[in-house]
Structure formats: C-alpha cells, structure tokens
Amino acid sequence: MRQRSTFVFTMMAFGYAFLYLPIFSVVLYSFNASRLVTVWGGFSTRWYGALFHNETILQATGRSLLVAAMAATLAVAIGTLAAVAFTRFQRLRARPLLSLMTSAPLVMPEVMLGLSALLLFVGLQQWIGWPAGRGLMTITIAHTTFCCAYVTVIVQSRLAQMDESLEEAALDLGARPWKVFFLVTLPVIFPALAAGWLLAFTLSLDDLVVASFVSGPSSTTLPMLIYSKVKFGVTPEINALATLIVLVVTSLIVAATLVMGRRNANPLR
C-alpha cells in the first residue's frame, strides 16, 4: 500500500512539474538581463519597460482582448438562447438539427473551422460585398461560432438542474415570460453564464489557427504575433508579457477561490 502511494505521488509530482516548470522558466527568464532567452545574464527588469514601449505587442494584445471580450459576450447571448431551447422546448422540430450544429464545433478540427469561415467570408464578399475585408469583425464572428458550442453545453447543464417550479410560480403570479426569464432564470443560472463567458474569453484569446484564416494584414492578434516571433527567436519581452498574464490569471483565481469559500461558509449571504 505504501509503495502504491509513493508511486502515485511520484507520478503526480512529474505531471505537475511537466505542466508548471515551463511556466516557471518563462517567469524566471522575464527578469533576464540578456537578450537571449536561454542564456542567463543576470537579474534585470529592463524587458518590462521595453514591453510597455513596444507598440506592436501592445496593439496585438489590445486586439486580442477586444476580440475575446466581444466573442465571449456574443457567445453567452447566443449560447444561452440555444440552451433554453434545448431544455424548455422538448418538442422543438428543429431540435436534432440544432443539436448537430451545436455539437459540430466541439469535435471539428480548428483547421476545418478556419477554412470554412474563410470560404464563407470570401463567398459573402463576392455575393453581397460584405465583409469588405478580413479584420477584427471576421475574427470575432469566427470565434463566436465555436465559442457558442461551449457556452451552450455549460448553460444547458445548469438549466437541466434548475428547479422549474420557480419559473412556474412566477408565471402563476402573473409575470410575463420575458420577465420570468430576466428576473428569475438568469439570476439562478448566472454562475453558469459567468463560467461560460470566462471559458469563451480564454478560448478566443488563445486561438491561433482560426484567427490565422480569417484575419487581415492589420488585424494580427497576440497568438499570431508570438507564433511569428518564435520562427525568428522569442525576445524576453514576450516572457515579460506572459508573466503579467500569469499574474493576472493567478490573481483572478485566488479572488474567485476566496469569494466561493466565503459563500460556502456563509450560505445565507
């Protein structure tokens, strides 16, 4: 039994080391004085200053954050409506087709998603003249398409567990269906909406393949910029940016953990 516990602990240690040691190395070399990311030249914070003066990286980061926020918001709106249709309209005739359309982006390779989106935009441009070119709008639409599938799954699972008597009681008291949806249903499933938004935001911010197909020359996102720099050598500025992202994500996780811990300790609040 003791040998088994030692084996499990060793495998877990190797697994966590495989996941987190590369992240630790990125954080460490962001304070490297040398321009070479693999050669330690002493402690320095010069690359953080250089990062905030690098317009190319800052603009790419701003584009990625803007696209991720818009795509996540649209995905939550569309995905929530799809989840409501799945759980509240069991006799919907288009239910099989809607289910297929929702599940397809979950299992379809990103190359196929990007190629199909590109062909769609090119066809629309030739047919109706829209979009005039590929840019942030086309990236947002493409990201919204596959993010909706993830949001739908999350919200649908929460709606399936929700007590429908709450909605029925509100309807019996004279509330309109739209009022029940906004004042009863949405507050109850809000944690699922927040989780879906965060997941969609992360997926959009991290996407490289789909964005590469539907982006234009002036709409380079952060993953695309980093990928292009990898071919010629990553500068410590990218390490500094990655360190800041890790810091922000870690802070959000710690804050969410503290809030959830307080809620569990005081369920009446």
C-alpha atoms as a PDB file:
ATOM      1  CA  MET A   1       0.000   0.000   0.000  1.00  0.00           C
ATOM      2  CA  ARG A   2       2.848   2.335   0.870  1.00  0.00           C
ATOM      3  CA  GLN A   3       4.638   1.558  -2.409  1.00  0.00           C
ATOM      4  CA  ARG A   4       1.446   2.335  -4.308  1.00  0.00           C
ATOM      5  CA  SER A   5       1.100   5.693  -2.544  1.00  0.00           C
ATOM      6  CA  THR A   6       4.726   6.520  -3.331  1.00  0.00           C
ATOM      7  CA  PHE A   7       4.206   5.648  -6.992  1.00  0.00           C
ATOM      8  CA  VAL A   8       1.066   7.813  -7.226  1.00  0.00           C
ATOM      9  CA  PHE A   9       2.805  10.725  -5.504  1.00  0.00           C
ATOM     10  CA  THR A  10       5.817  10.409  -7.829  1.00  0.00           C
ATOM     11  CA  MET A  11       3.647  10.375 -10.946  1.00  0.00           C
ATOM     12  CA  MET A  12       1.710  13.398  -9.705  1.00  0.00           C
ATOM     13  CA  ALA A  13       4.958  15.237  -8.996  1.00  0.00           C
ATOM     14  CA  PHE A  14       6.252  14.509 -12.507  1.00  0.00           C
ATOM     15  CA  GLY A  15       2.917  15.553 -14.020  1.00  0.00           C
ATOM     16  CA  TYR A  16       2.768  18.878 -12.178  1.00  0.00           C
ATOM     17  CA  ALA A  17       6.441  19.515 -12.904  1.00  0.00           C
ATOM     18  CA  PHE A  18       5.805  18.906 -16.614  1.00  0.00           C
ATOM     19  CA  LEU A  19       2.960  21.439 -16.527  1.00  0.00           C
ATOM     20  CA  TYR A  20       4.387  24.188 -14.325  1.00  0.00           C
ATOM     21  CA  LEU A  21       8.173  24.125 -14.784  1.00  0.00           C
ATOM     22  CA  PRO A  22       7.923  25.657 -18.294  1.00  0.00           C
ATOM     23  CA  ILE A  23       5.719  28.416 -16.881  1.00  0.00           C
ATOM     24  CA  PHE A  24       8.210  28.978 -14.062  1.00  0.00           C
ATOM     25  CA  SER A  25      11.061  29.191 -16.578  1.00  0.00           C
ATOM     26  CA  VAL A  26       9.155  31.817 -18.587  1.00  0.00           C
ATOM     27  CA  VAL A  27       8.639  33.891 -15.435  1.00  0.00           C
ATOM     28  CA  LEU A  28      12.277  33.475 -14.422  1.00  0.00           C
ATOM     29  CA  TYR A  29      13.722  34.492 -17.785  1.00  0.00           C
ATOM     30  CA  SER A  30      11.464  37.536 -17.962  1.00  0.00           C
ATOM     31  CA  PHE A  31      13.919  39.024 -15.425  1.00  0.00           C
ATOM     32  CA  ASN A  32      16.919  38.063 -17.527  1.00  0.00           C
ATOM     33  CA  ALA A  33      19.305  40.876 -18.416  1.00  0.00           C
ATOM     34  CA  SER A  34      20.461  39.064 -21.549  1.00  0.00           C
ATOM     35  CA  ARG A  35      18.586  39.367 -24.814  1.00  0.00           C
ATOM     36  CA  LEU A  36      18.941  35.631 -25.333  1.00  0.00           C
ATOM     37  CA  VAL A  37      16.056  33.835 -23.621  1.00  0.00           C
ATOM     38  CA  THR A  38      18.106  30.695 -22.984  1.00  0.00           C
ATOM     39  CA  VAL A  39      21.222  32.393 -21.550  1.00  0.00           C
ATOM     40  CA  TRP A  40      21.068  33.889 -18.059  1.00  0.00           C
ATOM     41  CA  GLY A  41      22.787  37.283 -17.959  1.00  0.00           C
ATOM     42  CA  GLY A  42      21.802  38.495 -14.517  1.00  0.00           C
ATOM     43  CA  PHE A  43      18.678  39.915 -12.873  1.00  0.00           C
ATOM     44  CA  SER A  44      17.011  42.847 -14.610  1.00  0.00           C
ATOM     45  CA  THR A  45      13.564  44.343 -15.165  1.00  0.00           C
ATOM     46  CA  ARG A  46      14.529  46.093 -18.407  1.00  0.00           C
ATOM     47  CA  TRP A  47      12.247  43.928 -20.519  1.00  0.00           C
ATOM     48  CA  TYR A  48       9.146  45.074 -18.654  1.00  0.00           C
ATOM     49  CA  GLY A  49       9.992  48.644 -19.557  1.00  0.00           C
ATOM     50  CA  ALA A  50      10.700  47.590 -23.131  1.00  0.00           C
ATOM     51  CA  LEU A  51       7.362  45.778 -23.242  1.00  0.00           C
ATOM     52  CA  PHE A  52       5.366  48.906 -22.418  1.00  0.00           C
ATOM     53  CA  HIS A  53       7.202  50.781 -25.159  1.00  0.00           C
ATOM     54  CA  ASN A  54       6.662  48.092 -27.808  1.00  0.00           C
ATOM     55  CA  GLU A  55       3.671  49.337 -29.790  1.00  0.00           C
ATOM     56  CA  THR A  56       3.426  46.167 -31.878  1.00  0.00           C
ATOM     57  CA  ILE A  57       2.938  43.882 -28.878  1.00  0.00           C
ATOM     58  CA  LEU A  58       0.622  46.314 -27.098  1.00  0.00           C
ATOM     59  CA  GLN A  59      -1.591  46.724 -30.149  1.00  0.00           C
ATOM     60  CA  ALA A  60      -1.750  42.961 -30.717  1.00  0.00           C
ATOM     61  CA  THR A  61      -2.656  42.450 -27.045  1.00  0.00           C
ATOM     62  CA  GLY A  62      -5.381  45.084 -27.272  1.00  0.00           C
ATOM     63  CA  ARG A  63      -6.841  43.459 -30.372  1.00  0.00           C
ATOM     64  CA  SER A  64      -6.868  40.025 -28.742  1.00  0.00           C
ATOM     65  CA  LEU A  65      -8.554  41.330 -25.585  1.00  0.00           C
ATOM     66  CA  LEU A  66     -11.157  43.243 -27.599  1.00  0.00           C
ATOM     67  CA  VAL A  67     -11.971  40.283 -29.848  1.00  0.00           C
ATOM     68  CA  ALA A  68     -12.100  37.889 -26.881  1.00  0.00           C
ATOM     69  CA  ALA A  69     -14.459  40.160 -24.925  1.00  0.00           C
ATOM     70  CA  MET A  70     -16.830  40.660 -27.880  1.00  0.00           C
ATOM     71  CA  ALA A  71     -16.780  36.998 -28.884  1.00  0.00           C
ATOM     72  CA  ALA A  72     -17.395  35.829 -25.302  1.00  0.00           C
ATOM     73  CA  THR A  73     -20.309  38.251 -24.849  1.00  0.00           C
ATOM     74  CA  LEU A  74     -21.952  37.242 -28.125  1.00  0.00           C
ATOM     75  CA  ALA A  75     -21.337  33.563 -27.387  1.00  0.00           C
ATOM     76  CA  VAL A  76     -23.031  33.849 -23.993  1.00  0.00           C
ATOM     77  CA  ALA A  77     -26.066  35.590 -25.522  1.00  0.00           C
ATOM     78  CA  ILE A  78     -26.489  33.069 -28.354  1.00  0.00           C
ATOM     79  CA  GLY A  79     -25.461  30.039 -26.305  1.00  0.00           C
ATOM     80  CA  THR A  80     -27.925  30.877 -23.544  1.00  0.00           C
ATOM     81  CA  LEU A  81     -30.800  31.087 -26.007  1.00  0.00           C
ATOM     82  CA  ALA A  82     -29.765  27.761 -27.526  1.00  0.00           C
ATOM     83  CA  ALA A  83     -29.575  26.166 -24.080  1.00  0.00           C
ATOM     84  CA  VAL A  84     -33.057  27.453 -23.225  1.00  0.00           C
ATOM     85  CA  ALA A  85     -34.383  25.991 -26.470  1.00  0.00           C
ATOM     86  CA  PHE A  86     -32.857  22.603 -25.624  1.00  0.00           C
ATOM     87  CA  THR A  87     -34.186  22.428 -22.071  1.00  0.00           C
ATOM     88  CA  ARG A  88     -37.511  24.255 -22.258  1.00  0.00           C
ATOM     89  CA  PHE A  89     -38.798  23.237 -25.717  1.00  0.00           C
ATOM     90  CA  GLN A  90     -38.613  19.461 -25.791  1.00  0.00           C
ATOM     91  CA  ARG A  91     -40.932  19.174 -28.827  1.00  0.00           C
ATOM     92  CA  LEU A  92     -38.971  21.600 -30.970  1.00  0.00           C
ATOM     93  CA  ARG A  93     -38.938  20.225 -34.518  1.00  0.00           C
ATOM     94  CA  ALA A  94     -35.525  21.665 -35.307  1.00  0.00           C
ATOM     95  CA  ARG A  95     -34.033  20.183 -32.144  1.00  0.00           C
ATOM     96  CA  PRO A  96     -31.937  17.458 -33.918  1.00  0.00           C
ATOM     97  CA  LEU A  97     -30.557  19.962 -36.422  1.00  0.00           C
ATOM     98  CA  LEU A  98     -29.843  22.495 -33.686  1.00  0.00           C
ATOM     99  CA  SER A  99     -28.135  19.819 -31.595  1.00  0.00           C
ATOM    100  CA  LEU A 100     -25.947  18.827 -34.547  1.00  0.00           C
ATOM    101  CA  MET A 101     -24.991  22.435 -35.267  1.00  0.00           C
ATOM    102  CA  THR A 102     -24.128  22.981 -31.620  1.00  0.00           C
ATOM    103  CA  SER A 103     -22.048  19.830 -31.231  1.00  0.00           C
ATOM    104  CA  ALA A 104     -20.120  20.094 -34.503  1.00  0.00           C
ATOM    105  CA  PRO A 105     -17.658  22.825 -33.407  1.00  0.00           C
ATOM    106  CA  LEU A 106     -16.766  20.767 -30.322  1.00  0.00           C
ATOM    107  CA  VAL A 107     -15.378  17.874 -32.353  1.00  0.00           C
ATOM    108  CA  MET A 108     -14.416  19.543 -35.628  1.00  0.00           C
ATOM    109  CA  PRO A 109     -10.697  20.329 -36.132  1.00  0.00           C
ATOM    110  CA  GLU A 110      -9.812  24.001 -35.914  1.00  0.00           C
ATOM    111  CA  VAL A 111      -8.296  23.866 -39.395  1.00  0.00           C
ATOM    112  CA  MET A 112     -11.706  22.937 -40.802  1.00  0.00           C
ATOM    113  CA  LEU A 113     -13.418  25.671 -38.809  1.00  0.00           C
ATOM    114  CA  GLY A 114     -10.953  28.282 -40.018  1.00  0.00           C
ATOM    115  CA  LEU A 115     -11.117  27.131 -43.637  1.00  0.00           C
ATOM    116  CA  SER A 116     -14.914  27.014 -43.688  1.00  0.00           C
ATOM    117  CA  ALA A 117     -15.120  30.503 -42.132  1.00  0.00           C
ATOM    118  CA  LEU A 118     -12.667  31.829 -44.713  1.00  0.00           C
ATOM    119  CA  LEU A 119     -14.653  30.350 -47.600  1.00  0.00           C
ATOM    120  CA  LEU A 120     -17.852  31.803 -46.130  1.00  0.00           C
ATOM    121  CA  PHE A 121     -16.442  35.318 -45.861  1.00  0.00           C
ATOM    122  CA  VAL A 122     -14.930  35.164 -49.359  1.00  0.00           C
ATOM    123  CA  GLY A 123     -18.245  33.930 -50.785  1.00  0.00           C
ATOM    124  CA  LEU A 124     -20.207  36.669 -48.998  1.00  0.00           C
ATOM    125  CA  GLN A 125     -17.789  39.312 -50.235  1.00  0.00           C
ATOM    126  CA  GLN A 126     -18.249  38.186 -53.827  1.00  0.00           C
ATOM    127  CA  TRP A 127     -22.020  37.869 -53.455  1.00  0.00           C
ATOM    128  CA  ILE A 128     -23.125  40.905 -51.440  1.00  0.00           C
ATOM    129  CA  GLY A 129     -19.874  42.845 -50.997  1.00  0.00           C
ATOM    130  CA  TRP A 130     -19.679  42.192 -47.250  1.00  0.00           C
ATOM    131  CA  PRO A 131     -17.335  41.987 -45.476  1.00  0.00           C
ATOM    132  CA  ALA A 132     -15.152  44.419 -47.409  1.00  0.00           C
ATOM    133  CA  GLY A 133     -12.047  42.796 -45.956  1.00  0.00           C
ATOM    134  CA  ARG A 134     -10.929  40.446 -43.256  1.00  0.00           C
ATOM    135  CA  GLY A 135     -10.199  42.003 -39.899  1.00  0.00           C
ATOM    136  CA  LEU A 136     -11.368  42.145 -36.289  1.00  0.00           C
ATOM    137  CA  MET A 137     -15.016  41.692 -37.277  1.00  0.00           C
ATOM    138  CA  THR A 138     -14.404  38.453 -39.156  1.00  0.00           C
ATOM    139  CA  ILE A 139     -12.224  37.123 -36.330  1.00  0.00           C
ATOM    140  CA  THR A 140     -14.949  37.952 -33.806  1.00  0.00           C
ATOM    141  CA  ILE A 141     -17.633  36.197 -35.869  1.00  0.00           C
ATOM    142  CA  ALA A 142     -15.479  33.108 -36.336  1.00  0.00           C
ATOM    143  CA  HIS A 143     -14.589  32.956 -32.629  1.00  0.00           C
ATOM    144  CA  THR A 144     -18.216  33.447 -31.623  1.00  0.00           C
ATOM    145  CA  THR A 145     -19.187  30.476 -33.787  1.00  0.00           C
ATOM    146  CA  PHE A 146     -17.130  27.870 -31.936  1.00  0.00           C
ATOM    147  CA  CYS A 147     -17.390  29.545 -28.511  1.00  0.00           C
ATOM    148  CA  CYS A 148     -21.199  29.259 -28.652  1.00  0.00           C
ATOM    149  CA  ALA A 149     -20.927  25.473 -28.521  1.00  0.00           C
ATOM    150  CA  TYR A 150     -19.015  25.513 -25.238  1.00  0.00           C
ATOM    151  CA  VAL A 151     -21.323  28.081 -23.656  1.00  0.00           C
ATOM    152  CA  THR A 152     -24.388  26.093 -24.701  1.00  0.00           C
ATOM    153  CA  VAL A 153     -23.112  22.938 -23.002  1.00  0.00           C
ATOM    154  CA  ILE A 154     -22.345  24.763 -19.747  1.00  0.00           C
ATOM    155  CA  VAL A 155     -25.624  26.686 -19.565  1.00  0.00           C
ATOM    156  CA  GLN A 156     -27.687  23.691 -20.652  1.00  0.00           C
ATOM    157  CA  SER A 157     -26.310  21.569 -17.813  1.00  0.00           C
ATOM    158  CA  ARG A 158     -27.227  24.291 -15.311  1.00  0.00           C
ATOM    159  CA  LEU A 159     -30.719  24.737 -16.732  1.00  0.00           C
ATOM    160  CA  ALA A 160     -31.294  20.980 -16.565  1.00  0.00           C
ATOM    161  CA  GLN A 161     -30.567  21.069 -12.815  1.00  0.00           C
ATOM    162  CA  MET A 162     -32.679  24.172 -12.154  1.00  0.00           C
ATOM    163  CA  ASP A 163     -35.959  23.793 -10.305  1.00  0.00           C
ATOM    164  CA  GLU A 164     -38.623  24.732 -12.872  1.00  0.00           C
ATOM    165  CA  SER A 165     -41.156  25.363 -10.094  1.00  0.00           C
ATOM    166  CA  LEU A 166     -39.503  28.766  -9.579  1.00  0.00           C
ATOM    167  CA  GLU A 167     -40.432  29.810 -13.092  1.00  0.00           C
ATOM    168  CA  GLU A 168     -43.896  28.261 -12.798  1.00  0.00           C
ATOM    169  CA  ALA A 169     -44.553  30.126  -9.559  1.00  0.00           C
ATOM    170  CA  ALA A 170     -43.584  33.428 -11.176  1.00  0.00           C
ATOM    171  CA  LEU A 171     -45.880  32.702 -14.128  1.00  0.00           C
ATOM    172  CA  ASP A 172     -48.750  31.832 -11.761  1.00  0.00           C
ATOM    173  CA  LEU A 173     -48.264  35.179 -10.023  1.00  0.00           C
ATOM    174  CA  GLY A 174     -48.832  36.982 -13.313  1.00  0.00           C
ATOM    175  CA  ALA A 175     -45.295  37.625 -14.544  1.00  0.00           C
ATOM    176  CA  ARG A 176     -44.707  37.723 -18.275  1.00  0.00           C
ATOM    177  CA  PRO A 177     -42.444  35.002 -19.758  1.00  0.00           C
ATOM    178  CA  TRP A 178     -39.748  37.535 -20.667  1.00  0.00           C
ATOM    179  CA  LYS A 179     -39.873  38.964 -17.143  1.00  0.00           C
ATOM    180  CA  VAL A 180     -39.542  35.476 -15.653  1.00  0.00           C
ATOM    181  CA  PHE A 181     -36.542  34.849 -17.861  1.00  0.00           C
ATOM    182  CA  PHE A 182     -34.724  38.040 -16.867  1.00  0.00           C
ATOM    183  CA  LEU A 183     -35.710  38.215 -13.184  1.00  0.00           C
ATOM    184  CA  VAL A 184     -35.845  34.522 -12.220  1.00  0.00           C
ATOM    185  CA  THR A 185     -33.995  32.320 -14.695  1.00  0.00           C
ATOM    186  CA  LEU A 186     -30.940  34.482 -15.411  1.00  0.00           C
ATOM    187  CA  PRO A 187     -30.083  35.195 -11.741  1.00  0.00           C
ATOM    188  CA  VAL A 188     -30.275  31.480 -10.936  1.00  0.00           C
ATOM    189  CA  ILE A 189     -28.023  30.423 -13.816  1.00  0.00           C
ATOM    190  CA  PHE A 190     -25.688  33.428 -13.507  1.00  0.00           C
ATOM    191  CA  PRO A 191     -22.717  31.300 -12.251  1.00  0.00           C
ATOM    192  CA  ALA A 192     -23.014  29.187 -15.411  1.00  0.00           C
ATOM    193  CA  LEU A 193     -23.149  32.331 -17.542  1.00  0.00           C
ATOM    194  CA  ALA A 194     -20.019  33.663 -15.857  1.00  0.00           C
ATOM    195  CA  ALA A 195     -18.234  30.337 -16.304  1.00  0.00           C
ATOM    196  CA  GLY A 196     -19.255  30.193 -19.963  1.00  0.00           C
ATOM    197  CA  TRP A 197     -18.074  33.759 -20.558  1.00  0.00           C
ATOM    198  CA  LEU A 198     -14.693  33.091 -18.966  1.00  0.00           C
ATOM    199  CA  LEU A 199     -14.233  29.877 -20.946  1.00  0.00           C
ATOM    200  CA  ALA A 200     -15.212  31.578 -24.210  1.00  0.00           C
ATOM    201  CA  PHE A 201     -12.900  34.508 -23.411  1.00  0.00           C
ATOM    202  CA  THR A 202      -9.998  32.130 -22.807  1.00  0.00           C
ATOM    203  CA  LEU A 203     -10.648  30.105 -25.951  1.00  0.00           C
ATOM    204  CA  SER A 204     -10.826  33.234 -28.091  1.00  0.00           C
ATOM    205  CA  LEU A 205      -7.757  34.822 -26.518  1.00  0.00           C
ATOM    206  CA  ASP A 206      -5.753  31.623 -27.034  1.00  0.00           C
ATOM    207  CA  ASP A 207      -6.878  30.845 -30.584  1.00  0.00           C
ATOM    208  CA  LEU A 208      -4.280  30.847 -33.329  1.00  0.00           C
ATOM    209  CA  VAL A 209      -5.498  28.542 -36.106  1.00  0.00           C
ATOM    210  CA  VAL A 210      -8.941  30.013 -36.794  1.00  0.00           C
ATOM    211  CA  ALA A 211      -7.693  33.597 -36.477  1.00  0.00           C
ATOM    212  CA  SER A 212      -4.918  32.890 -38.981  1.00  0.00           C
ATOM    213  CA  PHE A 213      -7.512  32.022 -41.637  1.00  0.00           C
ATOM    214  CA  VAL A 214      -9.906  34.935 -41.114  1.00  0.00           C
ATOM    215  CA  SER A 215      -7.556  37.780 -40.176  1.00  0.00           C
ATOM    216  CA  GLY A 216      -6.194  40.524 -42.381  1.00  0.00           C
ATOM    217  CA  PRO A 217      -2.828  42.281 -42.584  1.00  0.00           C
ATOM    218  CA  SER A 218      -3.785  44.899 -39.957  1.00  0.00           C
ATOM    219  CA  SER A 219      -5.554  42.553 -37.520  1.00  0.00           C
ATOM    220  CA  THR A 220      -2.734  40.464 -36.107  1.00  0.00           C
ATOM    221  CA  THR A 221      -3.681  39.013 -32.728  1.00  0.00           C
ATOM    222  CA  LEU A 222      -1.312  38.239 -29.875  1.00  0.00           C
ATOM    223  CA  PRO A 223      -1.050  34.446 -30.528  1.00  0.00           C
ATOM    224  CA  MET A 224      -0.314  35.160 -34.182  1.00  0.00           C
ATOM    225  CA  LEU A 225       2.370  37.684 -33.234  1.00  0.00           C
ATOM    226  CA  ILE A 226       4.023  35.303 -30.765  1.00  0.00           C
ATOM    227  CA  TYR A 227       3.928  32.465 -33.295  1.00  0.00           C
ATOM    228  CA  SER A 228       5.594  34.643 -35.917  1.00  0.00           C
ATOM    229  CA  LYS A 229       8.296  35.674 -33.438  1.00  0.00           C
ATOM    230  CA  VAL A 230       9.003  32.048 -32.498  1.00  0.00           C
ATOM    231  CA  LYS A 231      10.278  31.432 -36.027  1.00  0.00           C
ATOM    232  CA  PHE A 232      12.975  34.077 -35.591  1.00  0.00           C
ATOM    233  CA  GLY A 233      13.541  33.772 -31.846  1.00  0.00           C
ATOM    234  CA  VAL A 234      11.414  34.914 -28.924  1.00  0.00           C
ATOM    235  CA  THR A 235      12.601  38.062 -27.159  1.00  0.00           C
ATOM    236  CA  PRO A 236      12.388  38.469 -23.369  1.00  0.00           C
ATOM    237  CA  GLU A 237       9.591  40.989 -23.934  1.00  0.00           C
ATOM    238  CA  ILE A 238       7.285  38.064 -24.701  1.00  0.00           C
ATOM    239  CA  ASN A 239       8.385  36.436 -21.440  1.00  0.00           C
ATOM    240  CA  ALA A 240       7.518  39.647 -19.591  1.00  0.00           C
ATOM    241  CA  LEU A 241       4.082  39.741 -21.222  1.00  0.00           C
ATOM    242  CA  ALA A 242       3.480  36.074 -20.377  1.00  0.00           C
ATOM    243  CA  THR A 243       4.489  36.743 -16.770  1.00  0.00           C
ATOM    244  CA  LEU A 244       1.969  39.578 -16.490  1.00  0.00           C
ATOM    245  CA  ILE A 245      -0.765  37.355 -17.940  1.00  0.00           C
ATOM    246  CA  VAL A 246       0.100  34.589 -15.465  1.00  0.00           C
ATOM    247  CA  LEU A 247      -0.005  37.141 -12.631  1.00  0.00           C
ATOM    248  CA  VAL A 248      -3.435  38.430 -13.655  1.00  0.00           C
ATOM    249  CA  VAL A 249      -4.875  34.930 -14.100  1.00  0.00           C
ATOM    250  CA  THR A 250      -3.467  33.781 -10.750  1.00  0.00           C
ATOM    251  CA  SER A 251      -4.934  36.832  -9.009  1.00  0.00           C
ATOM    252  CA  LEU A 252      -8.366  36.168 -10.522  1.00  0.00           C
ATOM    253  CA  ILE A 253      -8.249  32.505  -9.474  1.00  0.00           C
ATOM    254  CA  VAL A 254      -7.259  33.405  -5.912  1.00  0.00           C
ATOM    255  CA  ALA A 255     -10.000  36.045  -5.712  1.00  0.00           C
ATOM    256  CA  ALA A 256     -12.639  33.628  -7.053  1.00  0.00           C
ATOM    257  CA  THR A 257     -11.498  30.948  -4.588  1.00  0.00           C
ATOM    258  CA  LEU A 258     -11.802  33.367  -1.666  1.00  0.00           C
ATOM    259  CA  VAL A 259     -15.260  34.515  -2.762  1.00  0.00           C
ATOM    260  CA  MET A 260     -16.516  30.948  -3.195  1.00  0.00           C
ATOM    261  CA  GLY A 261     -15.024  29.968   0.164  1.00  0.00           C
ATOM    262  CA  ARG A 262     -16.867  32.781   1.904  1.00  0.00           C
ATOM    263  CA  ARG A 263     -20.109  31.848   0.184  1.00  0.00           C
ATOM    264  CA  ASN A 264     -19.783  28.250   1.253  1.00  0.00           C
ATOM    265  CA  ALA A 265     -19.008  29.330   4.809  1.00  0.00           C
ATOM    266  CA  ASN A 266     -21.967  31.761   4.861  1.00  0.00           C
ATOM    267  CA  PRO A 267     -24.609  30.288   2.530  1.00  0.00           C
ATOM    268  CA  LEU A 268     -27.261  32.786   3.659  1.00  0.00           C
ATOM    269  CA  ARG A 269     -25.345  35.786   2.299  1.00  0.00           C
END
